[in-house]
Amino acid sequence: MYSEVYSTTLVGLSAQIVSVETDAGAGLPSFEMGGYLAAQVKEARDRVKVAIKNSGIQIRPQRIVINISPADIRKAGTGFDLPIAAGILAANREVDASRLRDTVIVGELSLDGSVNGVNGVLPSVLAAKEHGFSGCIVPYENLAEGAGVEGIRVYGAKSLAELVGFLNGDARLNEPSPDRAVANSQPEQYQMDFGDIMGQTAAKRATLIAVAGMHNILYIGT
């Protein structure tokens, strides 16, 4: 069976919608993935298989082929775990595939089936809204971040089992409270900024570059 799930990949500071295509069927048991994938994405095959099993779902031995398109854009990060798992379950008719057509999914899976937070949820939700999707499923710990985008429903999933129940209409996912959504839409007010720092030109420039590229930075000294 074939299924299609929508997710996102970060391109600079913005996110682009990608399609996670899954075909599961007869053949020697295998798990193949393609679509210009970074190492973190390729490692998803083991996390996803174990997470599905530990969520109480038994998938028969089969040949699984995953393609994340478009193939000319490099996909990196661990946010593809949850959409890949959803695609496999949809291809095996374990979930209602019709509920995946208008939803973008991002999230990392632990081996026990719980969903971990990922980077880039805000641009992912913005991209989903811009492309006309009605909902976006993100890790529960990123729910407050996604709530800052108006005009699209954002759901927080704590586990793969929760997502399965939601897609089958048996359970509800967490949604941001109105108070949290309003709070996230208000910019934080700071008493100081880098304009108040005299000198340290190199350190300030390094910080600007790190923030623009979403890199880590470590300061040492006084």
N, C-alpha and C. Protein backbone atom coordinates (compact mmCIF):
# COMPACT_ATOMS: atom_id res chain seq x y z
N MET A 1 0.84 -1.19 0.00
CA MET A 1 0.00 0.00 0.00
C MET A 1 0.87 1.25 0.00
N TYR A 2 0.30 2.31 -0.56
CA TYR A 2 1.02 3.59 -0.68
C TYR A 2 0.38 4.62 0.23
N SER A 3 1.21 5.49 0.80
CA SER A 3 0.69 6.60 1.60
C SER A 3 1.57 7.82 1.39
N GLU A 4 1.02 8.98 1.74
CA GLU A 4 1.77 10.23 1.62
C GLU A 4 1.49 11.09 2.84
N VAL A 5 2.56 11.55 3.47
CA VAL A 5 2.48 12.40 4.65
C VAL A 5 3.30 13.65 4.38
N TYR A 6 2.85 14.78 4.88
CA TYR A 6 3.56 16.03 4.64
C TYR A 6 4.36 16.45 5.88
N SER A 7 5.57 16.94 5.63
CA SER A 7 6.42 17.42 6.71
C SER A 7 7.17 18.65 6.18
N THR A 8 8.21 19.06 6.90
CA THR A 8 8.99 20.22 6.47
C THR A 8 10.48 19.94 6.65
N THR A 9 11.29 20.69 5.91
CA THR A 9 12.73 20.69 6.10
C THR A 9 13.19 22.12 6.14
N LEU A 10 14.17 22.42 6.97
CA LEU A 10 14.67 23.77 7.09
C LEU A 10 15.63 24.08 5.95
N VAL A 11 15.42 25.24 5.33
CA VAL A 11 16.30 25.75 4.29
C VAL A 11 16.71 27.15 4.74
N GLY A 12 17.88 27.24 5.36
CA GLY A 12 18.26 28.52 5.97
C GLY A 12 17.39 28.80 7.18
N LEU A 13 16.75 29.97 7.19
CA LEU A 13 15.89 30.34 8.31
C LEU A 13 14.42 30.03 8.05
N SER A 14 14.11 29.51 6.87
CA SER A 14 12.72 29.19 6.54
C SER A 14 12.56 27.69 6.39
N ALA A 15 11.32 27.27 6.27
CA ALA A 15 11.01 25.84 6.12
C ALA A 15 10.31 25.61 4.79
N GLN A 16 10.53 24.45 4.22
CA GLN A 16 9.87 24.08 2.97
C GLN A 16 9.08 22.79 3.18
N ILE A 17 7.89 22.77 2.61
CA ILE A 17 7.05 21.58 2.70
C ILE A 17 7.66 20.45 1.85
N VAL A 18 7.72 19.26 2.43
CA VAL A 18 8.19 18.09 1.69
C VAL A 18 7.16 16.98 1.84
N SER A 19 7.21 16.04 0.93
CA SER A 19 6.29 14.91 0.93
C SER A 19 7.02 13.64 1.31
N VAL A 20 6.53 12.96 2.35
CA VAL A 20 7.10 11.69 2.78
C VAL A 20 6.24 10.58 2.18
N GLU A 21 6.73 9.97 1.11
CA GLU A 21 5.99 8.92 0.41
C GLU A 21 6.42 7.55 0.93
N THR A 22 5.47 6.69 1.15
CA THR A 22 5.75 5.36 1.69
C THR A 22 5.06 4.29 0.85
N ASP A 23 5.81 3.27 0.53
CA ASP A 23 5.21 2.08 -0.10
C ASP A 23 5.59 0.87 0.74
N ALA A 24 4.61 0.15 1.22
CA ALA A 24 4.83 -1.03 2.06
C ALA A 24 4.09 -2.21 1.44
N GLY A 25 4.83 -3.29 1.20
CA GLY A 25 4.16 -4.43 0.57
C GLY A 25 5.02 -5.67 0.55
N ALA A 26 4.67 -6.56 -0.36
CA ALA A 26 5.33 -7.86 -0.45
C ALA A 26 6.77 -7.69 -0.90
N GLY A 27 7.58 -8.67 -0.51
CA GLY A 27 8.99 -8.66 -0.87
C GLY A 27 9.83 -9.03 0.33
N LEU A 28 11.13 -9.19 0.12
CA LEU A 28 12.02 -9.51 1.22
C LEU A 28 11.99 -8.36 2.22
N PRO A 29 11.88 -8.66 3.51
CA PRO A 29 11.82 -7.59 4.51
C PRO A 29 13.01 -6.65 4.42
N SER A 30 12.73 -5.37 4.25
CA SER A 30 13.79 -4.36 4.15
C SER A 30 13.19 -3.00 4.43
N PHE A 31 14.06 -2.02 4.62
CA PHE A 31 13.63 -0.65 4.91
C PHE A 31 14.57 0.26 4.14
N GLU A 32 14.10 0.80 3.02
CA GLU A 32 14.93 1.63 2.17
C GLU A 32 14.43 3.06 2.19
N MET A 33 15.38 4.01 2.17
CA MET A 33 15.02 5.42 2.21
C MET A 33 15.83 6.18 1.18
N GLY A 34 15.18 7.15 0.53
CA GLY A 34 15.86 7.96 -0.47
C GLY A 34 15.29 9.37 -0.50
N GLY A 35 16.00 10.25 -1.20
CA GLY A 35 15.53 11.62 -1.35
C GLY A 35 16.53 12.66 -0.85
N TYR A 36 17.85 12.41 -1.04
CA TYR A 36 18.90 13.35 -0.64
C TYR A 36 18.84 13.58 0.86
N LEU A 37 19.11 12.53 1.63
CA LEU A 37 18.93 12.54 3.08
C LEU A 37 20.25 12.63 3.82
N ALA A 38 20.29 13.43 4.87
CA ALA A 38 21.43 13.50 5.76
C ALA A 38 21.44 12.27 6.67
N ALA A 39 22.54 12.08 7.37
CA ALA A 39 22.70 10.88 8.20
C ALA A 39 21.62 10.79 9.27
N GLN A 40 21.24 11.94 9.88
CA GLN A 40 20.21 11.88 10.94
C GLN A 40 18.89 11.34 10.41
N VAL A 41 18.57 11.65 9.16
CA VAL A 41 17.31 11.18 8.59
C VAL A 41 17.40 9.68 8.30
N LYS A 42 18.53 9.23 7.76
CA LYS A 42 18.69 7.81 7.45
C LYS A 42 18.63 6.96 8.71
N GLU A 43 19.09 7.51 9.83
CA GLU A 43 19.05 6.76 11.10
C GLU A 43 17.63 6.56 11.61
N ALA A 44 16.67 7.27 11.03
CA ALA A 44 15.29 7.17 11.49
C ALA A 44 14.73 5.76 11.32
N ARG A 45 15.25 4.99 10.38
CA ARG A 45 14.67 3.67 10.12
C ARG A 45 14.66 2.81 11.38
N ASP A 46 15.74 2.82 12.15
CA ASP A 46 15.79 2.00 13.36
C ASP A 46 14.92 2.58 14.46
N ARG A 47 14.97 3.91 14.64
CA ARG A 47 14.14 4.53 15.68
C ARG A 47 12.66 4.29 15.40
N VAL A 48 12.26 4.43 14.16
CA VAL A 48 10.86 4.30 13.81
C VAL A 48 10.37 2.87 14.01
N LYS A 49 11.12 1.89 13.55
CA LYS A 49 10.70 0.50 13.69
C LYS A 49 10.51 0.11 15.16
N VAL A 50 11.47 0.50 15.99
CA VAL A 50 11.39 0.14 17.41
C VAL A 50 10.27 0.93 18.10
N ALA A 51 10.12 2.21 17.74
CA ALA A 51 9.06 3.03 18.35
C ALA A 51 7.68 2.48 18.02
N ILE A 52 7.48 2.02 16.80
CA ILE A 52 6.19 1.44 16.42
C ILE A 52 5.92 0.18 17.24
N LYS A 53 6.94 -0.67 17.35
CA LYS A 53 6.77 -1.91 18.14
C LYS A 53 6.47 -1.60 19.60
N ASN A 54 7.20 -0.66 20.18
CA ASN A 54 7.01 -0.34 21.59
C ASN A 54 5.76 0.51 21.86
N SER A 55 5.07 0.90 20.80
CA SER A 55 3.78 1.58 20.95
C SER A 55 2.63 0.59 20.88
N GLY A 56 2.97 -0.70 20.82
CA GLY A 56 1.95 -1.74 20.84
C GLY A 56 1.37 -2.07 19.48
N ILE A 57 2.06 -1.69 18.41
CA ILE A 57 1.56 -1.95 17.05
C ILE A 57 2.49 -2.95 16.37
N GLN A 58 1.94 -4.03 15.88
CA GLN A 58 2.71 -5.05 15.20
C GLN A 58 2.57 -4.90 13.69
N ILE A 59 3.68 -4.66 13.03
CA ILE A 59 3.71 -4.56 11.56
C ILE A 59 4.34 -5.84 11.02
N ARG A 60 3.66 -6.48 10.10
CA ARG A 60 4.18 -7.73 9.53
C ARG A 60 5.48 -7.46 8.77
N PRO A 61 6.38 -8.44 8.67
CA PRO A 61 7.61 -8.28 7.89
C PRO A 61 7.26 -7.91 6.44
N GLN A 62 7.89 -6.89 5.92
CA GLN A 62 7.54 -6.40 4.59
C GLN A 62 8.67 -5.54 4.03
N ARG A 63 8.55 -5.23 2.77
CA ARG A 63 9.51 -4.32 2.12
C ARG A 63 8.95 -2.91 2.21
N ILE A 64 9.67 -2.02 2.89
CA ILE A 64 9.23 -0.64 3.06
C ILE A 64 10.18 0.27 2.29
N VAL A 65 9.61 1.11 1.45
CA VAL A 65 10.40 2.08 0.68
C VAL A 65 9.88 3.48 1.02
N ILE A 66 10.78 4.34 1.49
CA ILE A 66 10.45 5.72 1.84
C ILE A 66 11.15 6.65 0.87
N ASN A 67 10.42 7.61 0.32
CA ASN A 67 11.02 8.65 -0.51
C ASN A 67 10.53 10.00 0.00
N ILE A 68 11.48 10.89 0.30
CA ILE A 68 11.13 12.22 0.77
C ILE A 68 11.45 13.20 -0.35
N SER A 69 10.42 13.76 -0.94
CA SER A 69 10.60 14.62 -2.11
C SER A 69 10.23 16.07 -1.78
N PRO A 70 10.76 17.06 -2.54
CA PRO A 70 11.56 16.90 -3.75
C PRO A 70 12.98 16.43 -3.44
N ALA A 71 13.53 15.64 -4.37
CA ALA A 71 14.82 15.00 -4.15
C ALA A 71 16.00 15.93 -4.34
N ASP A 72 15.78 17.15 -4.82
CA ASP A 72 16.90 18.06 -5.05
C ASP A 72 17.18 18.97 -3.85
N ILE A 73 16.45 18.77 -2.74
CA ILE A 73 16.67 19.55 -1.53
C ILE A 73 17.15 18.60 -0.43
N ARG A 74 18.26 18.95 0.20
CA ARG A 74 18.81 18.10 1.25
C ARG A 74 17.94 18.16 2.50
N LYS A 75 17.62 16.99 3.04
CA LYS A 75 16.82 16.91 4.26
C LYS A 75 17.71 16.51 5.43
N ALA A 76 17.65 17.30 6.50
CA ALA A 76 18.48 17.03 7.66
C ALA A 76 17.63 17.15 8.92
N GLY A 77 18.17 16.65 10.04
CA GLY A 77 17.47 16.74 11.31
C GLY A 77 16.70 15.47 11.64
N THR A 78 16.12 15.46 12.83
CA THR A 78 15.40 14.28 13.32
C THR A 78 13.89 14.46 13.30
N GLY A 79 13.43 15.56 12.71
CA GLY A 79 11.99 15.82 12.70
C GLY A 79 11.19 14.97 11.75
N PHE A 80 11.86 14.09 10.99
CA PHE A 80 11.14 13.23 10.04
C PHE A 80 10.68 11.92 10.66
N ASP A 81 11.13 11.62 11.90
CA ASP A 81 10.75 10.35 12.52
C ASP A 81 9.23 10.17 12.57
N LEU A 82 8.54 11.18 13.09
CA LEU A 82 7.09 11.06 13.29
C LEU A 82 6.33 10.95 11.97
N PRO A 83 6.63 11.78 10.94
CA PRO A 83 5.92 11.60 9.68
C PRO A 83 6.24 10.27 8.99
N ILE A 84 7.47 9.78 9.13
CA ILE A 84 7.80 8.47 8.55
C ILE A 84 6.99 7.38 9.22
N ALA A 85 6.91 7.42 10.55
CA ALA A 85 6.10 6.43 11.28
C ALA A 85 4.64 6.51 10.86
N ALA A 86 4.11 7.74 10.74
CA ALA A 86 2.72 7.91 10.32
C ALA A 86 2.50 7.35 8.92
N GLY A 87 3.48 7.55 8.04
CA GLY A 87 3.37 7.02 6.68
C GLY A 87 3.34 5.51 6.63
N ILE A 88 4.19 4.88 7.44
CA ILE A 88 4.22 3.41 7.50
C ILE A 88 2.90 2.87 8.04
N LEU A 89 2.38 3.51 9.07
CA LEU A 89 1.12 3.06 9.66
C LEU A 89 -0.04 3.27 8.70
N ALA A 90 -0.01 4.38 7.96
CA ALA A 90 -1.07 4.64 6.98
C ALA A 90 -1.01 3.62 5.85
N ALA A 91 0.21 3.29 5.40
CA ALA A 91 0.36 2.32 4.32
C ALA A 91 -0.11 0.93 4.76
N ASN A 92 -0.06 0.66 6.05
CA ASN A 92 -0.53 -0.63 6.58
C ASN A 92 -1.96 -0.55 7.11
N ARG A 93 -2.63 0.56 6.84
CA ARG A 93 -4.03 0.79 7.25
C ARG A 93 -4.22 0.71 8.76
N GLU A 94 -3.19 1.10 9.50
CA GLU A 94 -3.30 1.17 10.96
C GLU A 94 -3.89 2.49 11.42
N VAL A 95 -3.85 3.50 10.54
CA VAL A 95 -4.44 4.81 10.84
C VAL A 95 -5.25 5.27 9.63
N ASP A 96 -6.13 6.22 9.86
CA ASP A 96 -6.97 6.77 8.80
C ASP A 96 -6.14 7.74 7.97
N ALA A 97 -5.76 7.33 6.76
CA ALA A 97 -4.90 8.15 5.91
C ALA A 97 -5.57 9.45 5.46
N SER A 98 -6.89 9.50 5.45
CA SER A 98 -7.57 10.70 4.98
C SER A 98 -7.29 11.90 5.88
N ARG A 99 -6.96 11.65 7.14
CA ARG A 99 -6.70 12.74 8.07
C ARG A 99 -5.29 13.30 7.92
N LEU A 100 -4.49 12.68 7.05
CA LEU A 100 -3.13 13.15 6.83
C LEU A 100 -3.02 14.11 5.65
N ARG A 101 -4.09 14.24 4.89
CA ARG A 101 -4.01 15.02 3.64
C ARG A 101 -3.87 16.51 3.88
N ASP A 102 -4.36 16.99 5.00
CA ASP A 102 -4.39 18.43 5.24
C ASP A 102 -3.59 18.81 6.47
N THR A 103 -2.60 17.96 6.81
CA THR A 103 -1.84 18.16 8.05
C THR A 103 -0.35 18.00 7.80
N VAL A 104 0.43 18.85 8.40
CA VAL A 104 1.89 18.75 8.38
C VAL A 104 2.35 18.18 9.71
N ILE A 105 3.30 17.23 9.67
CA ILE A 105 3.76 16.56 10.89
C ILE A 105 5.27 16.69 11.01
N VAL A 106 5.74 17.06 12.20
CA VAL A 106 7.17 17.07 12.49
C VAL A 106 7.38 16.52 13.90
N GLY A 107 8.48 15.82 14.13
CA GLY A 107 8.75 15.30 15.47
C GLY A 107 9.78 14.19 15.45
N GLU A 108 10.53 14.09 16.53
CA GLU A 108 11.52 13.03 16.70
C GLU A 108 10.95 11.97 17.64
N LEU A 109 11.27 10.72 17.37
CA LEU A 109 10.78 9.62 18.20
C LEU A 109 11.88 9.02 19.07
N SER A 110 11.53 8.72 20.32
CA SER A 110 12.39 7.90 21.16
C SER A 110 12.04 6.43 20.92
N LEU A 111 12.87 5.54 21.39
CA LEU A 111 12.63 4.12 21.16
C LEU A 111 11.37 3.63 21.86
N ASP A 112 10.96 4.32 22.93
CA ASP A 112 9.74 3.90 23.63
C ASP A 112 8.48 4.47 23.01
N GLY A 113 8.62 5.21 21.92
CA GLY A 113 7.46 5.77 21.23
C GLY A 113 7.10 7.18 21.65
N SER A 114 7.82 7.75 22.61
CA SER A 114 7.55 9.14 22.99
C SER A 114 8.12 10.09 21.94
N VAL A 115 7.54 11.30 21.90
CA VAL A 115 7.92 12.28 20.89
C VAL A 115 8.80 13.35 21.54
N ASN A 116 9.96 13.59 20.96
CA ASN A 116 10.89 14.58 21.46
C ASN A 116 10.80 15.88 20.66
N GLY A 117 11.19 16.98 21.28
CA GLY A 117 11.17 18.27 20.62
C GLY A 117 12.21 18.36 19.50
N VAL A 118 11.96 19.25 18.56
CA VAL A 118 12.87 19.46 17.44
C VAL A 118 13.07 20.96 17.23
N ASN A 119 14.05 21.31 16.42
CA ASN A 119 14.29 22.70 16.06
C ASN A 119 13.43 23.11 14.87
N GLY A 120 13.16 24.40 14.76
CA GLY A 120 12.50 24.93 13.58
C GLY A 120 11.00 24.75 13.52
N VAL A 121 10.34 24.61 14.66
CA VAL A 121 8.88 24.42 14.64
C VAL A 121 8.16 25.67 14.16
N LEU A 122 8.62 26.85 14.59
CA LEU A 122 7.95 28.08 14.18
C LEU A 122 7.95 28.26 12.66
N PRO A 123 9.11 28.19 11.97
CA PRO A 123 9.06 28.28 10.50
C PRO A 123 8.29 27.14 9.85
N SER A 124 8.25 25.97 10.49
CA SER A 124 7.50 24.84 9.93
C SER A 124 5.99 25.13 9.95
N VAL A 125 5.51 25.67 11.07
CA VAL A 125 4.09 26.01 11.16
C VAL A 125 3.75 27.15 10.21
N LEU A 126 4.65 28.12 10.08
CA LEU A 126 4.43 29.22 9.13
C LEU A 126 4.33 28.69 7.69
N ALA A 127 5.22 27.75 7.34
CA ALA A 127 5.18 27.17 5.99
C ALA A 127 3.89 26.39 5.76
N ALA A 128 3.44 25.66 6.78
CA ALA A 128 2.19 24.90 6.66
C ALA A 128 1.02 25.84 6.41
N LYS A 129 1.00 26.95 7.13
CA LYS A 129 -0.08 27.92 6.94
C LYS A 129 -0.03 28.53 5.54
N GLU A 130 1.17 28.92 5.10
CA GLU A 130 1.32 29.56 3.79
C GLU A 130 0.91 28.64 2.65
N HIS A 131 1.04 27.33 2.85
CA HIS A 131 0.68 26.37 1.80
C HIS A 131 -0.75 25.87 1.94
N GLY A 132 -1.51 26.45 2.84
CA GLY A 132 -2.94 26.14 2.92
C GLY A 132 -3.31 24.93 3.75
N PHE A 133 -2.40 24.40 4.54
CA PHE A 133 -2.75 23.28 5.42
C PHE A 133 -3.59 23.79 6.58
N SER A 134 -4.50 22.96 7.06
CA SER A 134 -5.38 23.40 8.14
C SER A 134 -4.82 23.08 9.52
N GLY A 135 -3.85 22.16 9.60
CA GLY A 135 -3.31 21.79 10.90
C GLY A 135 -1.85 21.38 10.83
N CYS A 136 -1.21 21.41 11.99
CA CYS A 136 0.19 21.03 12.09
C CYS A 136 0.38 20.28 13.41
N ILE A 137 0.94 19.07 13.35
CA ILE A 137 1.20 18.28 14.55
C ILE A 137 2.68 18.37 14.87
N VAL A 138 2.99 18.83 16.08
CA VAL A 138 4.36 19.04 16.51
C VAL A 138 4.59 18.34 17.84
N PRO A 139 5.83 18.21 18.29
CA PRO A 139 6.06 17.65 19.63
C PRO A 139 5.41 18.52 20.69
N TYR A 140 4.95 17.90 21.76
CA TYR A 140 4.26 18.65 22.81
C TYR A 140 5.14 19.75 23.39
N GLU A 141 6.43 19.50 23.53
CA GLU A 141 7.30 20.52 24.11
C GLU A 141 7.52 21.70 23.18
N ASN A 142 7.16 21.58 21.92
CA ASN A 142 7.25 22.70 20.98
C ASN A 142 5.89 23.37 20.75
N LEU A 143 4.87 22.94 21.50
CA LEU A 143 3.51 23.43 21.26
C LEU A 143 3.41 24.94 21.47
N ALA A 144 4.04 25.45 22.52
CA ALA A 144 3.97 26.89 22.79
C ALA A 144 4.62 27.69 21.66
N GLU A 145 5.69 27.16 21.08
CA GLU A 145 6.36 27.84 19.97
C GLU A 145 5.45 27.92 18.75
N GLY A 146 4.81 26.82 18.43
CA GLY A 146 3.92 26.80 17.26
C GLY A 146 2.66 27.62 17.46
N ALA A 147 2.28 27.84 18.74
CA ALA A 147 1.05 28.58 19.03
C ALA A 147 1.14 30.04 18.64
N GLY A 148 2.35 30.53 18.37
CA GLY A 148 2.49 31.93 17.99
C GLY A 148 2.00 32.23 16.59
N VAL A 149 1.67 31.21 15.81
CA VAL A 149 1.18 31.41 14.44
C VAL A 149 -0.34 31.34 14.44
N GLU A 150 -0.97 32.38 13.97
CA GLU A 150 -2.43 32.42 13.92
C GLU A 150 -2.93 31.91 12.57
N GLY A 151 -4.17 31.43 12.57
CA GLY A 151 -4.79 30.98 11.32
C GLY A 151 -4.56 29.53 10.98
N ILE A 152 -3.99 28.76 11.89
CA ILE A 152 -3.78 27.33 11.66
C ILE A 152 -3.85 26.63 13.01
N ARG A 153 -4.43 25.44 13.03
CA ARG A 153 -4.53 24.68 14.29
C ARG A 153 -3.22 23.93 14.52
N VAL A 154 -2.70 24.05 15.73
CA VAL A 154 -1.45 23.39 16.09
C VAL A 154 -1.73 22.41 17.22
N TYR A 155 -1.28 21.16 17.05
CA TYR A 155 -1.50 20.11 18.03
C TYR A 155 -0.15 19.63 18.57
N GLY A 156 -0.12 19.28 19.84
CA GLY A 156 1.10 18.76 20.45
C GLY A 156 0.96 17.29 20.77
N ALA A 157 1.87 16.46 20.24
CA ALA A 157 1.84 15.02 20.48
C ALA A 157 2.93 14.63 21.46
N LYS A 158 2.56 13.86 22.48
CA LYS A 158 3.54 13.38 23.46
C LYS A 158 4.09 12.01 23.08
N SER A 159 3.35 11.27 22.26
CA SER A 159 3.79 9.93 21.89
C SER A 159 3.18 9.52 20.56
N LEU A 160 3.77 8.48 19.97
CA LEU A 160 3.24 7.93 18.73
C LEU A 160 1.85 7.35 18.95
N ALA A 161 1.64 6.73 20.11
CA ALA A 161 0.33 6.16 20.42
C ALA A 161 -0.75 7.25 20.44
N GLU A 162 -0.41 8.43 20.97
CA GLU A 162 -1.36 9.55 20.96
C GLU A 162 -1.69 9.95 19.53
N LEU A 163 -0.68 10.01 18.67
CA LEU A 163 -0.92 10.39 17.27
C LEU A 163 -1.83 9.38 16.59
N VAL A 164 -1.60 8.09 16.83
CA VAL A 164 -2.44 7.04 16.23
C VAL A 164 -3.89 7.21 16.68
N GLY A 165 -4.10 7.44 17.97
CA GLY A 165 -5.46 7.64 18.47
C GLY A 165 -6.12 8.86 17.86
N PHE A 166 -5.36 9.91 17.66
CA PHE A 166 -5.90 11.14 17.07
C PHE A 166 -6.30 10.90 15.61
N LEU A 167 -5.44 10.26 14.84
CA LEU A 167 -5.72 10.03 13.43
C LEU A 167 -6.91 9.08 13.24
N ASN A 168 -7.11 8.19 14.18
CA ASN A 168 -8.23 7.25 14.09
C ASN A 168 -9.50 7.78 14.76
N GLY A 169 -9.43 9.00 15.27
CA GLY A 169 -10.60 9.61 15.89
C GLY A 169 -10.92 9.08 17.26
N ASP A 170 -9.96 8.39 17.89
CA ASP A 170 -10.21 7.81 19.21
C ASP A 170 -9.70 8.67 20.36
N ALA A 171 -8.90 9.69 20.04
CA ALA A 171 -8.31 10.51 21.09
C ALA A 171 -8.08 11.92 20.55
N ARG A 172 -7.81 12.83 21.46
CA ARG A 172 -7.51 14.21 21.10
C ARG A 172 -6.07 14.52 21.45
N LEU A 173 -5.47 15.38 20.66
CA LEU A 173 -4.13 15.86 20.97
C LEU A 173 -4.21 17.19 21.71
N ASN A 174 -3.14 17.52 22.40
CA ASN A 174 -3.10 18.78 23.15
C ASN A 174 -3.10 19.97 22.19
N GLU A 175 -3.82 21.00 22.56
CA GLU A 175 -3.81 22.25 21.81
C GLU A 175 -3.44 23.37 22.76
N PRO A 176 -2.82 24.44 22.26
CA PRO A 176 -2.44 25.54 23.15
C PRO A 176 -3.66 26.24 23.72
N SER A 177 -3.55 26.64 24.98
CA SER A 177 -4.63 27.41 25.59
C SER A 177 -4.64 28.81 24.99
N PRO A 178 -5.77 29.48 24.96
CA PRO A 178 -5.82 30.85 24.42
C PRO A 178 -4.83 31.78 25.09
N ASP A 179 -4.62 31.61 26.41
CA ASP A 179 -3.70 32.49 27.13
C ASP A 179 -2.27 32.29 26.66
N ARG A 180 -1.91 31.02 26.41
CA ARG A 180 -0.54 30.75 25.95
C ARG A 180 -0.33 31.27 24.55
N ALA A 181 -1.35 31.14 23.70
CA ALA A 181 -1.22 31.62 22.33
C ALA A 181 -1.03 33.13 22.32
N VAL A 182 -1.80 33.83 23.16
CA VAL A 182 -1.67 35.29 23.22
C VAL A 182 -0.31 35.67 23.75
N ALA A 183 0.15 34.95 24.78
CA ALA A 183 1.45 35.26 25.37
C ALA A 183 2.57 35.08 24.36
N ASN A 184 2.46 34.03 23.54
CA ASN A 184 3.52 33.77 22.57
C ASN A 184 3.50 34.75 21.41
N SER A 185 2.38 35.41 21.19
CA SER A 185 2.29 36.36 20.10
C SER A 185 2.86 37.72 20.49
N GLN A 186 3.15 37.92 21.80
CA GLN A 186 3.68 39.18 22.27
C GLN A 186 5.20 39.09 22.36
N PRO A 187 5.93 40.02 21.74
CA PRO A 187 7.39 39.97 21.82
C PRO A 187 7.87 40.25 23.24
N GLU A 188 8.95 39.58 23.62
CA GLU A 188 9.51 39.82 24.94
C GLU A 188 10.18 41.18 24.98
N GLN A 189 10.12 41.83 26.10
CA GLN A 189 10.73 43.13 26.29
C GLN A 189 12.02 42.97 27.10
N TYR A 190 13.13 43.39 26.54
CA TYR A 190 14.40 43.30 27.22
C TYR A 190 14.88 44.69 27.62
N GLN A 191 15.54 44.79 28.76
CA GLN A 191 16.04 46.07 29.25
C GLN A 191 17.35 46.47 28.59
N MET A 192 18.07 45.46 28.06
CA MET A 192 19.36 45.73 27.43
C MET A 192 19.48 44.94 26.14
N ASP A 193 20.32 45.41 25.23
CA ASP A 193 20.63 44.65 24.03
C ASP A 193 22.10 44.87 23.67
N PHE A 194 22.54 44.31 22.55
CA PHE A 194 23.95 44.40 22.19
C PHE A 194 24.40 45.84 21.92
N GLY A 195 23.45 46.71 21.62
CA GLY A 195 23.80 48.11 21.40
C GLY A 195 24.32 48.79 22.65
N ASP A 196 24.06 48.21 23.82
CA ASP A 196 24.53 48.77 25.08
C ASP A 196 25.92 48.29 25.46
N ILE A 197 26.47 47.35 24.69
CA ILE A 197 27.79 46.79 25.00
C ILE A 197 28.85 47.57 24.25
N MET A 198 29.81 48.12 24.98
CA MET A 198 30.91 48.86 24.38
C MET A 198 32.01 47.89 23.97
N GLY A 199 32.50 48.04 22.75
CA GLY A 199 33.56 47.16 22.28
C GLY A 199 33.05 45.77 21.97
N GLN A 200 33.90 44.76 22.16
CA GLN A 200 33.56 43.35 21.92
C GLN A 200 32.99 43.15 20.51
N THR A 201 33.59 43.87 19.55
CA THR A 201 33.07 43.81 18.18
C THR A 201 33.09 42.39 17.62
N ALA A 202 34.19 41.70 17.82
CA ALA A 202 34.31 40.34 17.28
C ALA A 202 33.29 39.40 17.92
N ALA A 203 33.10 39.52 19.24
CA ALA A 203 32.15 38.65 19.93
C ALA A 203 30.72 38.92 19.46
N LYS A 204 30.39 40.19 19.28
CA LYS A 204 29.04 40.52 18.82
C LYS A 204 28.80 40.03 17.40
N ARG A 205 29.80 40.15 16.55
CA ARG A 205 29.64 39.67 15.17
C ARG A 205 29.52 38.14 15.14
N ALA A 206 30.31 37.47 15.96
CA ALA A 206 30.22 36.00 16.02
C ALA A 206 28.85 35.56 16.50
N THR A 207 28.28 36.30 17.47
CA THR A 207 26.94 35.98 17.97
C THR A 207 25.90 36.18 16.89
N LEU A 208 26.01 37.26 16.14
CA LEU A 208 25.07 37.53 15.05
C LEU A 208 25.10 36.41 14.01
N ILE A 209 26.29 35.96 13.66
CA ILE A 209 26.42 34.88 12.67
C ILE A 209 25.83 33.58 13.22
N ALA A 210 26.09 33.30 14.51
CA ALA A 210 25.57 32.08 15.13
C ALA A 210 24.05 32.08 15.15
N VAL A 211 23.45 33.22 15.50
CA VAL A 211 21.99 33.32 15.55
C VAL A 211 21.40 33.17 14.16
N ALA A 212 21.99 33.83 13.17
CA ALA A 212 21.47 33.77 11.80
C ALA A 212 21.50 32.35 11.25
N GLY A 213 22.53 31.59 11.63
CA GLY A 213 22.65 30.22 11.13
C GLY A 213 22.13 29.17 12.07
N MET A 214 21.52 29.59 13.21
CA MET A 214 21.00 28.67 14.22
C MET A 214 22.08 27.72 14.72
N HIS A 215 23.30 28.30 14.99
CA HIS A 215 24.41 27.53 15.53
C HIS A 215 24.56 27.80 17.02
N ASN A 216 25.30 26.93 17.70
CA ASN A 216 25.63 27.16 19.10
C ASN A 216 26.82 28.11 19.20
N ILE A 217 26.96 28.77 20.35
CA ILE A 217 28.12 29.62 20.58
C ILE A 217 28.47 29.56 22.06
N LEU A 218 29.76 29.59 22.36
CA LEU A 218 30.25 29.52 23.73
C LEU A 218 31.14 30.73 24.00
N TYR A 219 30.85 31.46 25.07
CA TYR A 219 31.67 32.59 25.48
C TYR A 219 32.58 32.15 26.61
N ILE A 220 33.86 32.52 26.53
CA ILE A 220 34.83 32.23 27.59
C ILE A 220 35.58 33.51 27.93
N GLY A 221 35.65 33.84 29.20
CA GLY A 221 36.38 35.03 29.62
C GLY A 221 35.46 36.05 30.25
N THR A 222 36.02 37.21 30.57
CA THR A 222 35.24 38.27 31.22
C THR A 222 35.29 39.55 30.41
